[in-house]
C-alpha cells in the first residue's frame, strides 16, 4: 500500500464519519420531531389551569405525544449511537430552559391577571421548544463530533 492509498483510505473514513454525524444531527434536530415536542410541551403545560376533564385529556395527549414521538424518532433513525454524558446533560439543560421559560411565562401571565395563564405559558414554552430545536443544532453537531473523537 502506498502512502497515497493510505491517505485516500483515511480521507474516505473521515468523509463517512462526517456523513454519519450529519445524518445523526439532521435526525436529532428534525423539524418534525421539534414540532411534536412543541405540541407535547403545549398540551402538558396548558393542562395546569384547564378544568376537569380537559386537564386530564390535555395531560394524556401531552404524554402520548412525548411517548409516541420518542418511539418514532428512535425507530426511524438511520444512525444509532450511544448517548454520551455530554449529550444527556445537554438534553437535560435544554429541557430545564424550556421549563424555566414556562414557569417565567406563568408568573408573568398571573401578574398580568390573564385568564388561564398556563395556556399562554404553554404556547410560549412551545415556541421556545421550536426555537431550541433549530438554535441548538450547531451545539449538537459539536457534541457529536467531540463524542466521535473520544
N, C-alpha and C. Protein backbone atom coordinates (compact mmCIF):
# COMPACT_ATOMS: atom_id res chain seq x y z
N UNK A 1 0.85 -1.17 0.00
CA UNK A 1 0.00 0.00 0.00
C UNK A 1 0.90 1.23 0.00
N UNK A 2 0.62 2.13 -0.89
CA UNK A 2 1.41 3.36 -0.96
C UNK A 2 0.86 4.38 0.02
N UNK A 3 1.63 5.41 0.25
CA UNK A 3 1.17 6.46 1.16
C UNK A 3 -0.06 7.17 0.59
N UNK A 4 -0.13 7.25 -0.72
CA UNK A 4 -1.31 7.85 -1.35
C UNK A 4 -2.56 7.01 -1.07
N UNK A 5 -2.45 5.68 -1.18
CA UNK A 5 -3.58 4.78 -0.89
C UNK A 5 -4.02 4.89 0.56
N UNK A 6 -3.02 4.96 1.45
CA UNK A 6 -3.34 5.08 2.88
C UNK A 6 -4.05 6.40 3.16
N UNK A 7 -3.58 7.48 2.57
CA UNK A 7 -4.21 8.78 2.78
C UNK A 7 -5.61 8.80 2.18
N UNK A 8 -5.79 8.19 1.02
CA UNK A 8 -7.12 8.13 0.39
C UNK A 8 -8.09 7.33 1.26
N UNK A 9 -7.60 6.23 1.87
CA UNK A 9 -8.45 5.44 2.75
C UNK A 9 -8.84 6.23 3.99
N UNK A 10 -7.88 6.95 4.58
CA UNK A 10 -8.18 7.80 5.75
C UNK A 10 -9.17 8.90 5.39
N UNK A 11 -8.99 9.51 4.24
CA UNK A 11 -9.92 10.55 3.80
C UNK A 11 -11.32 9.99 3.62
N UNK A 12 -11.43 8.79 3.07
CA UNK A 12 -12.74 8.15 2.90
C UNK A 12 -13.38 7.86 4.25
N UNK A 13 -12.58 7.40 5.22
CA UNK A 13 -13.10 7.14 6.57
C UNK A 13 -13.61 8.43 7.19
N UNK A 14 -12.84 9.50 7.11
CA UNK A 14 -13.25 10.79 7.68
C UNK A 14 -14.52 11.31 7.00
N UNK A 15 -14.60 11.11 5.70
CA UNK A 15 -15.79 11.54 4.96
C UNK A 15 -17.03 10.77 5.43
N UNK A 16 -16.90 9.47 5.61
CA UNK A 16 -18.04 8.67 6.07
C UNK A 16 -18.41 9.01 7.52
N UNK A 17 -17.42 9.30 8.35
CA UNK A 17 -17.72 9.73 9.71
C UNK A 17 -18.48 11.04 9.72
N UNK A 18 -18.09 11.97 8.86
CA UNK A 18 -18.80 13.25 8.77
C UNK A 18 -20.22 13.05 8.27
N UNK A 19 -20.40 12.17 7.29
CA UNK A 19 -21.75 11.87 6.80
C UNK A 19 -22.61 11.28 7.92
N UNK A 20 -22.04 10.41 8.72
CA UNK A 20 -22.77 9.81 9.84
C UNK A 20 -23.16 10.86 10.86
N UNK A 21 -22.22 11.74 11.21
CA UNK A 21 -22.53 12.82 12.15
C UNK A 21 -23.62 13.73 11.60
N UNK A 22 -23.51 14.09 10.32
CA UNK A 22 -24.52 14.96 9.71
C UNK A 22 -25.90 14.33 9.76
N UNK A 23 -25.98 13.06 9.47
CA UNK A 23 -27.27 12.35 9.50
C UNK A 23 -27.82 12.28 10.92
N UNK A 24 -26.94 12.02 11.89
CA UNK A 24 -27.37 11.98 13.29
C UNK A 24 -27.93 13.33 13.73
N UNK A 25 -27.22 14.40 13.40
CA UNK A 25 -27.65 15.74 13.80
C UNK A 25 -28.92 16.13 13.05
N UNK A 26 -29.00 15.79 11.76
CA UNK A 26 -30.20 16.11 10.97
C UNK A 26 -31.42 15.42 11.58
N UNK A 27 -31.26 14.18 11.96
CA UNK A 27 -32.39 13.44 12.54
C UNK A 27 -32.73 13.96 13.93
N UNK A 28 -31.70 14.21 14.75
CA UNK A 28 -31.93 14.67 16.12
C UNK A 28 -32.55 16.06 16.15
N UNK A 29 -32.24 16.90 15.16
CA UNK A 29 -32.75 18.27 15.12
C UNK A 29 -33.84 18.44 14.07
N UNK A 30 -34.54 17.38 13.77
CA UNK A 30 -35.58 17.41 12.75
C UNK A 30 -36.72 18.34 13.15
N UNK A 31 -37.22 19.07 12.18
CA UNK A 31 -38.35 19.96 12.43
C UNK A 31 -39.61 19.21 12.81
N UNK A 32 -39.79 18.01 12.27
CA UNK A 32 -40.97 17.21 12.60
C UNK A 32 -40.96 16.84 14.08
N UNK A 33 -39.82 16.37 14.56
CA UNK A 33 -39.75 16.00 15.97
C UNK A 33 -39.76 17.23 16.87
N UNK A 34 -39.24 18.34 16.38
CA UNK A 34 -39.33 19.59 17.14
C UNK A 34 -40.78 20.03 17.28
N UNK A 35 -41.56 19.87 16.21
CA UNK A 35 -42.97 20.22 16.26
C UNK A 35 -43.73 19.30 17.22
N UNK A 36 -43.43 18.01 17.18
CA UNK A 36 -44.07 17.07 18.11
C UNK A 36 -43.71 17.43 19.55
N UNK A 37 -42.46 17.76 19.79
CA UNK A 37 -42.03 18.16 21.14
C UNK A 37 -42.74 19.44 21.57
N UNK A 38 -42.86 20.40 20.65
CA UNK A 38 -43.54 21.66 20.98
C UNK A 38 -45.01 21.42 21.30
N UNK A 39 -45.67 20.58 20.53
CA UNK A 39 -47.08 20.27 20.80
C UNK A 39 -47.24 19.55 22.14
N UNK A 40 -46.31 18.66 22.46
CA UNK A 40 -46.41 17.98 23.75
C UNK A 40 -46.16 18.95 24.91
N UNK A 41 -45.24 19.88 24.73
CA UNK A 41 -45.00 20.90 25.76
C UNK A 41 -46.25 21.76 25.93
N UNK A 42 -46.87 22.15 24.83
CA UNK A 42 -48.08 22.96 24.91
C UNK A 42 -49.21 22.20 25.60
N UNK A 43 -49.44 20.96 25.19
CA UNK A 43 -50.54 20.17 25.77
C UNK A 43 -50.32 19.94 27.26
N UNK A 44 -49.11 19.58 27.62
CA UNK A 44 -48.81 19.30 29.02
C UNK A 44 -48.85 20.58 29.86
N UNK A 45 -48.26 21.65 29.34
CA UNK A 45 -48.23 22.91 30.07
C UNK A 45 -49.60 23.55 30.22
N UNK A 46 -50.40 23.50 29.18
CA UNK A 46 -51.72 24.14 29.25
C UNK A 46 -52.69 23.38 30.14
N UNK A 47 -52.37 22.14 30.48
CA UNK A 47 -53.28 21.35 31.29
C UNK A 47 -53.37 21.83 32.74
N UNK A 48 -52.43 22.65 33.17
CA UNK A 48 -52.38 23.08 34.57
C UNK A 48 -53.64 23.84 34.97
N UNK A 49 -54.10 24.77 34.17
CA UNK A 49 -55.24 25.60 34.54
C UNK A 49 -56.57 25.17 33.94
N UNK A 50 -56.54 24.15 33.12
CA UNK A 50 -57.79 23.72 32.50
C UNK A 50 -58.67 22.98 33.51
N UNK A 51 -59.99 23.14 33.38
CA UNK A 51 -60.88 22.41 34.29
C UNK A 51 -60.93 20.93 33.91
N UNK A 52 -61.31 20.10 34.89
CA UNK A 52 -61.51 18.68 34.59
C UNK A 52 -62.71 18.52 33.70
N UNK A 53 -62.79 17.64 32.80
CA UNK A 53 -61.88 16.57 32.39
C UNK A 53 -60.85 17.04 31.36
N UNK A 54 -60.88 18.31 30.95
CA UNK A 54 -59.96 18.80 29.92
C UNK A 54 -58.51 18.75 30.39
N UNK A 55 -58.29 18.95 31.66
CA UNK A 55 -56.94 18.89 32.20
C UNK A 55 -56.37 17.48 32.02
N UNK A 56 -57.15 16.48 32.36
CA UNK A 56 -56.71 15.10 32.20
C UNK A 56 -56.49 14.76 30.74
N UNK A 57 -57.38 15.20 29.88
CA UNK A 57 -57.25 14.93 28.45
C UNK A 57 -55.98 15.57 27.90
N UNK A 58 -55.72 16.81 28.29
CA UNK A 58 -54.52 17.51 27.82
C UNK A 58 -53.26 16.81 28.31
N UNK A 59 -53.25 16.34 29.56
CA UNK A 59 -52.09 15.61 30.08
C UNK A 59 -51.88 14.30 29.33
N UNK A 60 -52.97 13.60 29.06
CA UNK A 60 -52.85 12.33 28.31
C UNK A 60 -52.35 12.57 26.89
N UNK A 61 -52.86 13.62 26.25
CA UNK A 61 -52.39 13.95 24.89
C UNK A 61 -50.91 14.31 24.92
N UNK A 62 -50.51 15.14 25.89
CA UNK A 62 -49.10 15.51 26.01
C UNK A 62 -48.22 14.31 26.26
N UNK A 63 -48.63 13.44 27.18
CA UNK A 63 -47.85 12.23 27.46
C UNK A 63 -47.79 11.30 26.26
N UNK A 64 -48.92 11.18 25.55
CA UNK A 64 -48.94 10.34 24.35
C UNK A 64 -48.04 10.89 23.26
N UNK A 65 -48.03 12.21 23.10
CA UNK A 65 -47.14 12.82 22.11
C UNK A 65 -45.68 12.61 22.47
N UNK A 66 -45.36 12.73 23.74
CA UNK A 66 -43.98 12.52 24.18
C UNK A 66 -43.56 11.08 23.91
N UNK A 67 -44.38 10.14 24.37
CA UNK A 67 -44.03 8.71 24.19
C UNK A 67 -44.00 8.34 22.70
N UNK A 68 -45.02 8.73 21.98
CA UNK A 68 -45.08 8.41 20.55
C UNK A 68 -43.94 9.05 19.77
N UNK A 69 -43.63 10.30 20.08
CA UNK A 69 -42.53 10.98 19.40
C UNK A 69 -41.20 10.32 19.65
N UNK A 70 -40.96 9.92 20.90
CA UNK A 70 -39.69 9.25 21.22
C UNK A 70 -39.59 7.89 20.54
N UNK A 71 -40.68 7.15 20.54
CA UNK A 71 -40.66 5.82 19.90
C UNK A 71 -40.41 5.96 18.40
N UNK A 72 -41.14 6.86 17.75
CA UNK A 72 -40.98 7.03 16.31
C UNK A 72 -39.58 7.55 15.98
N UNK A 73 -39.10 8.50 16.77
CA UNK A 73 -37.77 9.05 16.50
C UNK A 73 -36.69 7.98 16.63
N UNK A 74 -36.80 7.14 17.64
CA UNK A 74 -35.79 6.08 17.80
C UNK A 74 -35.89 5.02 16.72
N UNK A 75 -37.08 4.66 16.31
CA UNK A 75 -37.25 3.60 15.32
C UNK A 75 -36.91 4.06 13.91
N UNK A 76 -37.07 5.35 13.61
CA UNK A 76 -36.81 5.82 12.25
C UNK A 76 -35.40 6.35 12.05
N UNK A 77 -34.60 6.33 13.08
CA UNK A 77 -33.23 6.84 12.96
C UNK A 77 -32.40 5.93 12.07
N UNK A 78 -31.72 6.52 11.11
CA UNK A 78 -30.82 5.75 10.25
C UNK A 78 -29.49 5.49 10.93
N UNK A 79 -29.15 6.36 11.88
CA UNK A 79 -27.88 6.25 12.58
C UNK A 79 -28.19 6.16 14.07
N UNK A 80 -27.67 5.13 14.71
CA UNK A 80 -27.84 4.97 16.15
C UNK A 80 -26.47 5.10 16.80
N UNK A 81 -26.44 5.75 17.95
CA UNK A 81 -25.19 5.82 18.70
C UNK A 81 -25.53 5.88 20.17
N UNK A 82 -24.56 5.50 20.97
CA UNK A 82 -24.77 5.54 22.41
C UNK A 82 -24.89 6.98 22.86
N UNK A 83 -25.73 7.19 23.83
CA UNK A 83 -25.87 8.53 24.38
C UNK A 83 -24.68 8.80 25.29
N UNK A 84 -24.02 9.90 25.03
CA UNK A 84 -22.87 10.27 25.84
C UNK A 84 -23.34 11.07 27.06
N UNK A 85 -22.47 11.22 28.02
CA UNK A 85 -22.78 12.03 29.20
C UNK A 85 -23.03 13.47 28.77
N UNK A 86 -22.19 13.97 27.87
CA UNK A 86 -22.35 15.36 27.40
C UNK A 86 -23.68 15.52 26.68
N UNK A 87 -24.06 14.55 25.86
CA UNK A 87 -25.34 14.63 25.14
C UNK A 87 -26.52 14.59 26.09
N UNK A 88 -26.45 13.72 27.10
CA UNK A 88 -27.54 13.63 28.08
C UNK A 88 -27.64 14.91 28.90
N UNK A 89 -26.51 15.44 29.33
CA UNK A 89 -26.52 16.70 30.10
C UNK A 89 -27.05 17.85 29.26
N UNK A 90 -26.69 17.87 27.99
CA UNK A 90 -27.18 18.92 27.10
C UNK A 90 -28.70 18.83 26.95
N UNK A 91 -29.21 17.62 26.77
CA UNK A 91 -30.66 17.43 26.65
C UNK A 91 -31.38 17.88 27.92
N UNK A 92 -30.82 17.54 29.08
CA UNK A 92 -31.41 17.97 30.34
C UNK A 92 -31.37 19.49 30.47
N UNK A 93 -30.28 20.10 30.02
CA UNK A 93 -30.15 21.55 30.08
C UNK A 93 -31.22 22.22 29.22
N UNK A 94 -31.42 21.71 28.00
CA UNK A 94 -32.45 22.28 27.12
C UNK A 94 -33.83 22.12 27.74
N UNK A 95 -34.12 20.95 28.31
CA UNK A 95 -35.40 20.74 28.97
C UNK A 95 -35.57 21.70 30.15
N UNK A 96 -34.51 21.92 30.92
CA UNK A 96 -34.59 22.85 32.05
C UNK A 96 -34.86 24.28 31.58
N UNK A 97 -34.26 24.66 30.47
CA UNK A 97 -34.51 26.00 29.92
C UNK A 97 -35.97 26.15 29.50
N UNK A 98 -36.51 25.13 28.84
CA UNK A 98 -37.92 25.19 28.41
C UNK A 98 -38.83 25.25 29.63
N UNK A 99 -38.53 24.49 30.67
CA UNK A 99 -39.33 24.53 31.90
C UNK A 99 -39.22 25.90 32.55
N UNK A 100 -38.03 26.48 32.58
CA UNK A 100 -37.85 27.81 33.15
C UNK A 100 -38.63 28.86 32.36
N UNK A 101 -38.65 28.73 31.03
CA UNK A 101 -39.45 29.65 30.20
C UNK A 101 -40.93 29.49 30.54
N UNK A 102 -41.39 28.25 30.72
CA UNK A 102 -42.78 28.01 31.07
C UNK A 102 -43.13 28.64 32.42
N UNK A 103 -42.29 28.40 33.42
CA UNK A 103 -42.56 28.94 34.76
C UNK A 103 -42.54 30.47 34.74
N UNK A 104 -41.56 31.06 34.07
CA UNK A 104 -41.50 32.53 33.98
C UNK A 104 -42.72 33.08 33.25
N UNK A 105 -43.19 32.38 32.23
CA UNK A 105 -44.38 32.83 31.50
C UNK A 105 -45.63 32.73 32.35
N UNK A 106 -45.73 31.66 33.14
CA UNK A 106 -46.88 31.53 34.05
C UNK A 106 -46.87 32.68 35.06
N UNK A 107 -45.72 32.96 35.63
CA UNK A 107 -45.62 34.05 36.61
C UNK A 107 -45.99 35.38 35.97
N UNK A 108 -45.48 35.65 34.78
CA UNK A 108 -45.79 36.91 34.09
C UNK A 108 -47.28 37.00 33.76
N UNK A 109 -47.86 35.91 33.32
CA UNK A 109 -49.29 35.91 32.97
C UNK A 109 -50.15 36.10 34.21
N UNK A 110 -49.76 35.50 35.31
CA UNK A 110 -50.52 35.68 36.56
C UNK A 110 -50.39 37.12 37.08
N UNK A 111 -49.20 37.69 36.96
CA UNK A 111 -49.02 39.08 37.39
C UNK A 111 -49.83 40.03 36.53
N UNK A 112 -50.04 39.67 35.26
CA UNK A 112 -50.84 40.49 34.35
C UNK A 112 -52.33 40.17 34.47
N UNK A 113 -52.67 39.24 35.37
CA UNK A 113 -54.07 38.84 35.63
C UNK A 113 -54.77 38.35 34.37
N UNK A 114 -54.06 37.56 33.59
CA UNK A 114 -54.64 36.97 32.38
C UNK A 114 -55.40 35.70 32.74
N UNK A 115 -56.50 35.43 32.04
CA UNK A 115 -57.22 34.18 32.31
C UNK A 115 -56.43 32.99 31.77
N UNK A 116 -56.49 31.89 32.46
CA UNK A 116 -55.78 30.66 32.07
C UNK A 116 -54.32 30.93 31.72
N UNK A 117 -53.54 31.37 32.70
CA UNK A 117 -52.14 31.73 32.40
C UNK A 117 -51.30 30.56 31.90
N UNK A 118 -51.63 29.34 32.27
CA UNK A 118 -50.80 28.21 31.82
C UNK A 118 -50.97 27.92 30.34
N UNK A 119 -52.13 28.29 29.77
CA UNK A 119 -52.32 28.08 28.33
C UNK A 119 -51.38 29.01 27.55
N UNK A 120 -51.32 30.26 27.95
CA UNK A 120 -50.40 31.20 27.31
C UNK A 120 -48.94 30.78 27.56
N UNK A 121 -48.64 30.37 28.79
CA UNK A 121 -47.28 29.94 29.11
C UNK A 121 -46.91 28.67 28.33
N UNK A 122 -47.86 27.78 28.15
CA UNK A 122 -47.61 26.58 27.35
C UNK A 122 -47.29 26.94 25.91
N UNK A 123 -47.99 27.94 25.37
CA UNK A 123 -47.72 28.38 24.00
C UNK A 123 -46.32 29.01 23.90
N UNK A 124 -45.96 29.82 24.88
CA UNK A 124 -44.63 30.44 24.89
C UNK A 124 -43.55 29.37 25.01
N UNK A 125 -43.75 28.39 25.88
CA UNK A 125 -42.78 27.30 26.04
C UNK A 125 -42.70 26.45 24.78
N UNK A 126 -43.82 26.28 24.08
CA UNK A 126 -43.81 25.52 22.83
C UNK A 126 -42.99 26.24 21.77
N UNK A 127 -43.14 27.56 21.69
CA UNK A 127 -42.33 28.34 20.75
C UNK A 127 -40.84 28.25 21.14
N UNK A 128 -40.56 28.29 22.44
CA UNK A 128 -39.18 28.15 22.91
C UNK A 128 -38.61 26.78 22.52
N UNK A 129 -39.46 25.76 22.54
CA UNK A 129 -39.03 24.42 22.13
C UNK A 129 -38.67 24.39 20.65
N UNK A 130 -39.51 25.03 19.83
CA UNK A 130 -39.21 25.09 18.40
C UNK A 130 -37.92 25.85 18.13
N UNK A 131 -37.74 26.96 18.81
CA UNK A 131 -36.52 27.75 18.64
C UNK A 131 -35.31 26.93 19.07
N UNK A 132 -35.44 26.20 20.19
CA UNK A 132 -34.33 25.39 20.68
C UNK A 132 -33.97 24.28 19.70
N UNK A 133 -34.97 23.74 19.00
CA UNK A 133 -34.72 22.67 18.03
C UNK A 133 -33.75 23.15 16.96
N UNK A 134 -33.93 24.36 16.48
CA UNK A 134 -33.08 24.89 15.41
C UNK A 134 -31.82 25.57 15.95
N UNK A 135 -31.95 26.28 17.06
CA UNK A 135 -30.82 27.05 17.58
C UNK A 135 -29.71 26.16 18.15
N UNK A 136 -30.07 24.99 18.64
CA UNK A 136 -29.06 24.13 19.26
C UNK A 136 -28.40 23.17 18.29
N UNK A 137 -28.79 23.22 17.04
CA UNK A 137 -28.22 22.29 16.03
C UNK A 137 -26.68 22.37 15.96
N UNK A 138 -26.07 23.56 15.95
CA UNK A 138 -24.60 23.60 15.92
C UNK A 138 -23.97 22.99 17.19
N UNK A 139 -24.64 23.15 18.33
CA UNK A 139 -24.12 22.56 19.56
C UNK A 139 -24.23 21.04 19.53
N UNK A 140 -25.33 20.53 18.99
CA UNK A 140 -25.49 19.09 18.85
C UNK A 140 -24.41 18.54 17.92
N UNK A 141 -24.11 19.26 16.86
CA UNK A 141 -23.05 18.84 15.93
C UNK A 141 -21.70 18.81 16.65
N UNK A 142 -21.43 19.82 17.45
CA UNK A 142 -20.16 19.88 18.17
C UNK A 142 -20.04 18.73 19.18
N UNK A 143 -21.14 18.44 19.88
CA UNK A 143 -21.14 17.34 20.84
C UNK A 143 -20.93 16.01 20.12
N UNK A 144 -21.63 15.82 18.99
CA UNK A 144 -21.49 14.57 18.22
C UNK A 144 -20.05 14.41 17.71
N UNK A 145 -19.46 15.50 17.27
CA UNK A 145 -18.08 15.43 16.76
C UNK A 145 -17.11 15.12 17.89
N UNK A 146 -17.31 15.75 19.03
CA UNK A 146 -16.43 15.52 20.19
C UNK A 146 -16.56 14.09 20.69
N UNK A 147 -17.80 13.55 20.68
CA UNK A 147 -18.01 12.18 21.12
C UNK A 147 -17.31 11.18 20.21
N UNK A 148 -17.29 11.47 18.92
CA UNK A 148 -16.64 10.57 17.96
C UNK A 148 -15.12 10.60 18.09
N UNK A 149 -14.59 11.72 18.55
CA UNK A 149 -13.14 11.83 18.66
C UNK A 149 -12.61 11.21 19.96
N UNK A 150 -13.54 10.90 20.85
CA UNK A 150 -13.15 10.20 22.08
C UNK A 150 -12.76 11.14 23.13
